[in-house]
Amino acid sequence: GLRREEALGIKYGDINKMRKTLSISRAFIQSQL
């Protein structure tokens, strides 16, 4: 259910193996300008 820009902003360090969770803290976009 992530937004596209949230998924693209995921780094491997955002993945918590022990808890099996993902931290969403940034987004990656391309400027339309």
All heavy atoms as atom14 arrays in JSON, in Angstrom:
{
  "sequence": "GLRREEALGIKYGDINKMRKTLSISRAFIQSQL",
  "atom14_mask": [
    [1, 1, 1, 1, 0, 0, 0, 0, 0, 0, 0, 0, 0, 0],
    [1, 1, 1, 1, 1, 1, 1, 1, 0, 0, 0, 0, 0, 0],
    [1, 1, 1, 1, 1, 1, 1, 1, 1, 1, 1, 0, 0, 0],
    [1, 1, 1, 1, 1, 1, 1, 1, 1, 1, 1, 0, 0, 0],
    [1, 1, 1, 1, 1, 1, 1, 1, 1, 0, 0, 0, 0, 0],
    [1, 1, 1, 1, 1, 1, 1, 1, 1, 0, 0, 0, 0, 0],
    [1, 1, 1, 1, 1, 0, 0, 0, 0, 0, 0, 0, 0, 0],
    [1, 1, 1, 1, 1, 1, 1, 1, 0, 0, 0, 0, 0, 0],
    [1, 1, 1, 1, 0, 0, 0, 0, 0, 0, 0, 0, 0, 0],
    [1, 1, 1, 1, 1, 1, 1, 1, 0, 0, 0, 0, 0, 0],
    [1, 1, 1, 1, 1, 1, 1, 1, 1, 0, 0, 0, 0, 0],
    [1, 1, 1, 1, 1, 1, 1, 1, 1, 1, 1, 1, 0, 0],
    [1, 1, 1, 1, 0, 0, 0, 0, 0, 0, 0, 0, 0, 0],
    [1, 1, 1, 1, 1, 1, 1, 1, 0, 0, 0, 0, 0, 0],
    [1, 1, 1, 1, 1, 1, 1, 1, 0, 0, 0, 0, 0, 0],
    [1, 1, 1, 1, 1, 1, 1, 1, 0, 0, 0, 0, 0, 0],
    [1, 1, 1, 1, 1, 1, 1, 1, 1, 0, 0, 0, 0, 0],
    [1, 1, 1, 1, 1, 1, 1, 1, 0, 0, 0, 0, 0, 0],
    [1, 1, 1, 1, 1, 1, 1, 1, 1, 1, 1, 0, 0, 0],
    [1, 1, 1, 1, 1, 1, 1, 1, 1, 0, 0, 0, 0, 0],
    [1, 1, 1, 1, 1, 1, 1, 0, 0, 0, 0, 0, 0, 0],
    [1, 1, 1, 1, 1, 1, 1, 1, 0, 0, 0, 0, 0, 0],
    [1, 1, 1, 1, 1, 1, 0, 0, 0, 0, 0, 0, 0, 0],
    [1, 1, 1, 1, 1, 1, 1, 1, 0, 0, 0, 0, 0, 0],
    [1, 1, 1, 1, 1, 1, 0, 0, 0, 0, 0, 0, 0, 0],
    [1, 1, 1, 1, 1, 1, 1, 1, 1, 1, 1, 0, 0, 0],
    [1, 1, 1, 1, 1, 0, 0, 0, 0, 0, 0, 0, 0, 0],
    [1, 1, 1, 1, 1, 1, 1, 1, 1, 1, 1, 0, 0, 0],
    [1, 1, 1, 1, 1, 1, 1, 1, 0, 0, 0, 0, 0, 0],
    [1, 1, 1, 1, 1, 1, 1, 1, 1, 0, 0, 0, 0, 0],
    [1, 1, 1, 1, 1, 1, 0, 0, 0, 0, 0, 0, 0, 0],
    [1, 1, 1, 1, 1, 1, 1, 1, 1, 0, 0, 0, 0, 0],
    [1, 1, 1, 1, 1, 1, 1, 1, 0, 0, 0, 0, 0, 0]
  ],
  "atom14_positions": [
    [[0.8, -1.22, 0.0], [0.0, 0.0, 0.0], [0.83, 1.27, 0.0], [0.31, 2.35, 0.25], [0.0, 0.0, 0.0], [0.0, 0.0, 0.0], [0.0, 0.0, 0.0], [0.0, 0.0, 0.0], [0.0, 0.0, 0.0], [0.0, 0.0, 0.0], [0.0, 0.0, 0.0], [0.0, 0.0, 0.0], [0.0, 0.0, 0.0], [0.0, 0.0, 0.0]],
    [[2.12, 1.17, -0.29], [2.96, 2.36, -0.31], [2.67, 3.22, -1.53], [2.29, 2.72, -2.57], [4.45, 1.97, -0.35], [5.01, 1.22, 0.85], [6.47, 0.87, 0.6], [4.86, 2.04, 2.11], [0.0, 0.0, 0.0], [0.0, 0.0, 0.0], [0.0, 0.0, 0.0], [0.0, 0.0, 0.0], [0.0, 0.0, 0.0], [0.0, 0.0, 0.0]],
    [[2.88, 4.51, -1.37], [2.88, 5.4, -2.51], [4.12, 5.08, -3.34], [5.14, 4.68, -2.79], [2.92, 6.85, -2.06], [1.69, 7.29, -1.29], [1.86, 8.7, -0.72], [0.69, 9.11, 0.02], [0.55, 8.97, 1.35], [1.53, 8.45, 2.07], [-0.56, 9.35, 1.95], [0.0, 0.0, 0.0], [0.0, 0.0, 0.0], [0.0, 0.0, 0.0]],
    [[4.06, 5.29, -4.64], [5.2, 4.98, -5.51], [6.46, 5.69, -5.03], [7.53, 5.08, -4.93], [4.87, 5.37, -6.95], [6.0, 5.15, -7.93], [5.64, 5.6, -9.32], [5.57, 7.04, -9.38], [5.4, 7.74, -10.49], [5.24, 7.11, -11.64], [5.37, 9.04, -10.48], [0.0, 0.0, 0.0], [0.0, 0.0, 0.0], [0.0, 0.0, 0.0]],
    [[6.34, 6.97, -4.7], [7.51, 7.74, -4.28], [8.07, 7.26, -2.93], [9.26, 7.38, -2.67], [7.22, 9.24, -4.26], [6.13, 9.67, -3.31], [4.72, 9.69, -3.92], [4.49, 9.07, -4.98], [3.84, 10.31, -3.31], [0.0, 0.0, 0.0], [0.0, 0.0, 0.0], [0.0, 0.0, 0.0], [0.0, 0.0, 0.0], [0.0, 0.0, 0.0]],
    [[7.2, 6.71, -2.08], [7.67, 6.15, -0.8], [8.47, 4.88, -1.05], [9.53, 4.67, -0.44], [6.48, 5.84, 0.12], [5.76, 7.05, 0.63], [4.47, 6.7, 1.36], [3.95, 5.58, 1.23], [3.98, 7.59, 2.08], [0.0, 0.0, 0.0], [0.0, 0.0, 0.0], [0.0, 0.0, 0.0], [0.0, 0.0, 0.0], [0.0, 0.0, 0.0]],
    [[7.97, 4.02, -1.93], [8.68, 2.77, -2.24], [10.06, 3.07, -2.81], [11.05, 2.44, -2.44], [7.86, 1.92, -3.23], [0.0, 0.0, 0.0], [0.0, 0.0, 0.0], [0.0, 0.0, 0.0], [0.0, 0.0, 0.0], [0.0, 0.0, 0.0], [0.0, 0.0, 0.0], [0.0, 0.0, 0.0], [0.0, 0.0, 0.0], [0.0, 0.0, 0.0]],
    [[10.14, 4.05, -3.71], [11.42, 4.39, -4.32], [12.41, 4.99, -3.31], [13.61, 4.94, -3.52], [11.21, 5.35, -5.49], [10.55, 4.73, -6.71], [10.15, 5.79, -7.71], [11.46, 3.7, -7.35], [0.0, 0.0, 0.0], [0.0, 0.0, 0.0], [0.0, 0.0, 0.0], [0.0, 0.0, 0.0], [0.0, 0.0, 0.0], [0.0, 0.0, 0.0]],
    [[11.9, 5.54, -2.22], [12.76, 6.14, -1.2], [13.28, 5.16, -0.16], [14.03, 5.55, 0.74], [0.0, 0.0, 0.0], [0.0, 0.0, 0.0], [0.0, 0.0, 0.0], [0.0, 0.0, 0.0], [0.0, 0.0, 0.0], [0.0, 0.0, 0.0], [0.0, 0.0, 0.0], [0.0, 0.0, 0.0], [0.0, 0.0, 0.0], [0.0, 0.0, 0.0]],
    [[12.94, 3.88, -0.27], [13.36, 2.89, 0.73], [14.83, 2.56, 0.57], [15.31, 2.28, -0.53], [12.53, 1.59, 0.59], [11.06, 1.87, 0.86], [13.06, 0.51, 1.54], [10.17, 0.7, 0.48], [0.0, 0.0, 0.0], [0.0, 0.0, 0.0], [0.0, 0.0, 0.0], [0.0, 0.0, 0.0], [0.0, 0.0, 0.0], [0.0, 0.0, 0.0]],
    [[15.53, 2.57, 1.69], [16.92, 2.11, 1.74], [16.93, 0.78, 2.5], [16.03, 0.49, 3.29], [17.81, 3.12, 2.46], [17.98, 4.42, 1.7], [18.96, 5.33, 2.41], [19.22, 6.59, 1.6], [20.27, 7.42, 2.21], [0.0, 0.0, 0.0], [0.0, 0.0, 0.0], [0.0, 0.0, 0.0], [0.0, 0.0, 0.0], [0.0, 0.0, 0.0]],
    [[17.97, -0.01, 2.26], [18.06, -1.31, 2.95], [18.07, -1.15, 4.46], [17.55, -1.99, 5.19], [19.28, -2.09, 2.47], [19.08, -2.7, 1.11], [19.63, -2.13, -0.03], [18.3, -3.84, 0.95], [19.42, -2.68, -1.29], [18.07, -4.4, -0.31], [18.65, -3.81, -1.41], [18.43, -4.35, -2.66], [0.0, 0.0, 0.0], [0.0, 0.0, 0.0]],
    [[18.61, -0.05, 4.95], [18.63, 0.21, 6.39], [17.26, 0.48, 6.98], [17.08, 0.45, 8.19], [0.0, 0.0, 0.0], [0.0, 0.0, 0.0], [0.0, 0.0, 0.0], [0.0, 0.0, 0.0], [0.0, 0.0, 0.0], [0.0, 0.0, 0.0], [0.0, 0.0, 0.0], [0.0, 0.0, 0.0], [0.0, 0.0, 0.0], [0.0, 0.0, 0.0]],
    [[16.26, 0.73, 6.12], [14.89, 0.96, 6.58], [14.16, -0.34, 6.88], [13.07, -0.33, 7.44], [14.09, 1.74, 5.52], [14.67, 3.11, 5.24], [15.25, 3.71, 6.16], [14.53, 3.58, 4.09], [0.0, 0.0, 0.0], [0.0, 0.0, 0.0], [0.0, 0.0, 0.0], [0.0, 0.0, 0.0], [0.0, 0.0, 0.0], [0.0, 0.0, 0.0]],
    [[14.77, -1.46, 6.5], [14.15, -2.77, 6.69], [14.66, -3.35, 8.01], [15.85, -3.52, 8.2], [14.5, -3.72, 5.53], [14.04, -3.11, 4.2], [13.89, -5.09, 5.75], [14.6, -3.8, 2.98], [0.0, 0.0, 0.0], [0.0, 0.0, 0.0], [0.0, 0.0, 0.0], [0.0, 0.0, 0.0], [0.0, 0.0, 0.0], [0.0, 0.0, 0.0]],
    [[13.74, -3.64, 8.92], [14.09, -4.22, 10.21], [13.84, -5.72, 10.15], [12.68, -6.16, 10.17], [13.28, -3.56, 11.33], [13.71, -4.03, 12.7], [13.95, -5.21, 12.93], [13.78, -3.09, 13.63], [0.0, 0.0, 0.0], [0.0, 0.0, 0.0], [0.0, 0.0, 0.0], [0.0, 0.0, 0.0], [0.0, 0.0, 0.0], [0.0, 0.0, 0.0]],
    [[14.91, -6.5, 10.05], [14.79, -7.95, 9.89], [14.17, -8.62, 11.12], [13.38, -9.55, 10.98], [16.16, -8.57, 9.63], [16.77, -8.17, 8.32], [18.14, -8.77, 8.17], [18.84, -8.24, 6.94], [20.18, -8.78, 6.79], [0.0, 0.0, 0.0], [0.0, 0.0, 0.0], [0.0, 0.0, 0.0], [0.0, 0.0, 0.0], [0.0, 0.0, 0.0]],
    [[14.52, -8.13, 12.29], [14.02, -8.76, 13.52], [12.51, -8.55, 13.68], [11.79, -9.47, 14.02], [14.75, -8.2, 14.74], [16.25, -8.49, 14.74], [16.63, -10.24, 14.83], [16.1, -10.6, 16.48], [0.0, 0.0, 0.0], [0.0, 0.0, 0.0], [0.0, 0.0, 0.0], [0.0, 0.0, 0.0], [0.0, 0.0, 0.0], [0.0, 0.0, 0.0]],
    [[12.07, -7.34, 13.42], [10.65, -7.01, 13.6], [9.83, -7.26, 12.34], [8.6, -7.21, 12.39], [10.51, -5.55, 14.02], [11.06, -5.26, 15.39], [11.16, -3.76, 15.7], [10.0, -2.97, 15.38], [9.01, -2.67, 16.23], [9.08, -3.12, 17.47], [7.99, -1.92, 15.86], [0.0, 0.0, 0.0], [0.0, 0.0, 0.0], [0.0, 0.0, 0.0]],
    [[10.54, -7.5, 11.21], [9.89, -7.65, 9.9], [9.0, -6.43, 9.6], [7.82, -6.55, 9.29], [9.13, -8.96, 9.8], [10.06, -10.15, 9.78], [9.44, -11.36, 9.19], [10.51, -12.45, 9.11], [10.05, -13.66, 8.53], [0.0, 0.0, 0.0], [0.0, 0.0, 0.0], [0.0, 0.0, 0.0], [0.0, 0.0, 0.0], [0.0, 0.0, 0.0]],
    [[9.66, -5.26, 9.73], [8.96, -4.01, 9.46], [9.78, -3.16, 8.5], [10.96, -3.43, 8.24], [8.73, -3.2, 10.75], [10.0, -2.9, 11.35], [7.83, -3.94, 11.73], [0.0, 0.0, 0.0], [0.0, 0.0, 0.0], [0.0, 0.0, 0.0], [0.0, 0.0, 0.0], [0.0, 0.0, 0.0], [0.0, 0.0, 0.0], [0.0, 0.0, 0.0]],
    [[9.13, -2.15, 8.01], [9.74, -1.21, 7.08], [9.45, 0.2, 7.57], [8.3, 0.53, 7.85], [9.13, -1.42, 5.69], [9.57, -0.5, 4.57], [11.06, -0.69, 4.28], [8.75, -0.79, 3.32], [0.0, 0.0, 0.0], [0.0, 0.0, 0.0], [0.0, 0.0, 0.0], [0.0, 0.0, 0.0], [0.0, 0.0, 0.0], [0.0, 0.0, 0.0]],
    [[10.49, 1.02, 7.69], [10.32, 2.41, 8.09], [10.23, 3.27, 6.83], [11.08, 3.18, 5.96], [11.5, 2.88, 8.94], [11.51, 2.21, 10.17], [0.0, 0.0, 0.0], [0.0, 0.0, 0.0], [0.0, 0.0, 0.0], [0.0, 0.0, 0.0], [0.0, 0.0, 0.0], [0.0, 0.0, 0.0], [0.0, 0.0, 0.0], [0.0, 0.0, 0.0]],
    [[9.21, 4.08, 6.77], [9.0, 4.99, 5.65], [9.37, 6.38, 6.16], [8.73, 6.91, 7.07], [7.52, 5.0, 5.19], [6.98, 3.59, 4.99], [7.35, 5.87, 3.95], [7.74, 2.76, 4.0], [0.0, 0.0, 0.0], [0.0, 0.0, 0.0], [0.0, 0.0, 0.0], [0.0, 0.0, 0.0], [0.0, 0.0, 0.0], [0.0, 0.0, 0.0]],
    [[10.43, 6.96, 5.58], [10.89, 8.26, 6.09], [11.27, 9.24, 4.99], [11.64, 10.37, 5.28], [12.09, 8.05, 7.02], [13.14, 7.42, 6.32], [0.0, 0.0, 0.0], [0.0, 0.0, 0.0], [0.0, 0.0, 0.0], [0.0, 0.0, 0.0], [0.0, 0.0, 0.0], [0.0, 0.0, 0.0], [0.0, 0.0, 0.0], [0.0, 0.0, 0.0]],
    [[11.18, 8.83, 3.73], [11.56, 9.72, 2.63], [10.81, 9.31, 1.37], [10.25, 8.22, 1.3], [13.07, 9.72, 2.41], [13.62, 8.46, 1.77], [15.14, 8.39, 1.79], [15.7, 8.16, 3.1], [15.66, 6.98, 3.74], [15.08, 5.94, 3.2], [16.19, 6.85, 4.93], [0.0, 0.0, 0.0], [0.0, 0.0, 0.0], [0.0, 0.0, 0.0]],
    [[10.85, 10.19, 0.4], [10.21, 9.93, -0.89], [11.18, 10.34, -1.99], [12.01, 11.23, -1.81], [8.91, 10.72, -1.0], [0.0, 0.0, 0.0], [0.0, 0.0, 0.0], [0.0, 0.0, 0.0], [0.0, 0.0, 0.0], [0.0, 0.0, 0.0], [0.0, 0.0, 0.0], [0.0, 0.0, 0.0], [0.0, 0.0, 0.0], [0.0, 0.0, 0.0]],
    [[11.06, 9.68, -3.12], [11.91, 9.97, -4.27], [11.02, 10.35, -5.44], [10.16, 9.57, -5.84], [12.76, 8.74, -4.61], [13.6, 8.92, -5.84], [14.64, 9.81, -5.87], [13.32, 8.18, -6.98], [15.41, 9.98, -7.02], [14.08, 8.33, -8.13], [15.12, 9.24, -8.15], [0.0, 0.0, 0.0], [0.0, 0.0, 0.0], [0.0, 0.0, 0.0]],
    [[11.23, 11.55, -5.95], [10.39, 12.03, -7.05], [11.26, 12.59, -8.17], [12.46, 12.79, -7.99], [9.42, 13.14, -6.58], [10.2, 14.36, -6.06], [8.44, 12.61, -5.56], [9.36, 15.59, -5.87], [0.0, 0.0, 0.0], [0.0, 0.0, 0.0], [0.0, 0.0, 0.0], [0.0, 0.0, 0.0], [0.0, 0.0, 0.0], [0.0, 0.0, 0.0]],
    [[10.64, 12.84, -9.3], [11.3, 13.52, -10.4], [10.56, 14.83, -10.62], [9.35, 14.85, -10.79], [11.26, 12.65, -11.66], [12.07, 13.24, -12.78], [12.35, 12.21, -13.87], [12.44, 11.03, -13.6], [12.49, 12.67, -15.09], [0.0, 0.0, 0.0], [0.0, 0.0, 0.0], [0.0, 0.0, 0.0], [0.0, 0.0, 0.0], [0.0, 0.0, 0.0]],
    [[11.29, 15.93, -10.6], [10.7, 17.25, -10.76], [10.03, 17.37, -12.12], [10.6, 17.01, -13.15], [11.78, 18.33, -10.63], [11.26, 19.58, -11.01], [0.0, 0.0, 0.0], [0.0, 0.0, 0.0], [0.0, 0.0, 0.0], [0.0, 0.0, 0.0], [0.0, 0.0, 0.0], [0.0, 0.0, 0.0], [0.0, 0.0, 0.0], [0.0, 0.0, 0.0]],
    [[8.82, 17.88, -12.12], [8.11, 18.1, -13.38], [8.62, 19.35, -14.08], [8.4, 19.53, -15.27], [6.61, 18.19, -13.13], [6.02, 16.88, -12.67], [4.52, 16.96, -12.45], [3.93, 18.02, -12.41], [3.9, 15.8, -12.3], [0.0, 0.0, 0.0], [0.0, 0.0, 0.0], [0.0, 0.0, 0.0], [0.0, 0.0, 0.0], [0.0, 0.0, 0.0]],
    [[9.34, 20.21, -13.35], [9.86, 21.44, -13.94], [11.12, 21.21, -14.76], [11.21, 21.62, -15.91], [10.14, 22.48, -12.85], [8.92, 22.97, -12.07], [9.36, 23.89, -10.94], [7.95, 23.69, -13.0], [0.0, 0.0, 0.0], [0.0, 0.0, 0.0], [0.0, 0.0, 0.0], [0.0, 0.0, 0.0], [0.0, 0.0, 0.0], [0.0, 0.0, 0.0]]
  ]
}
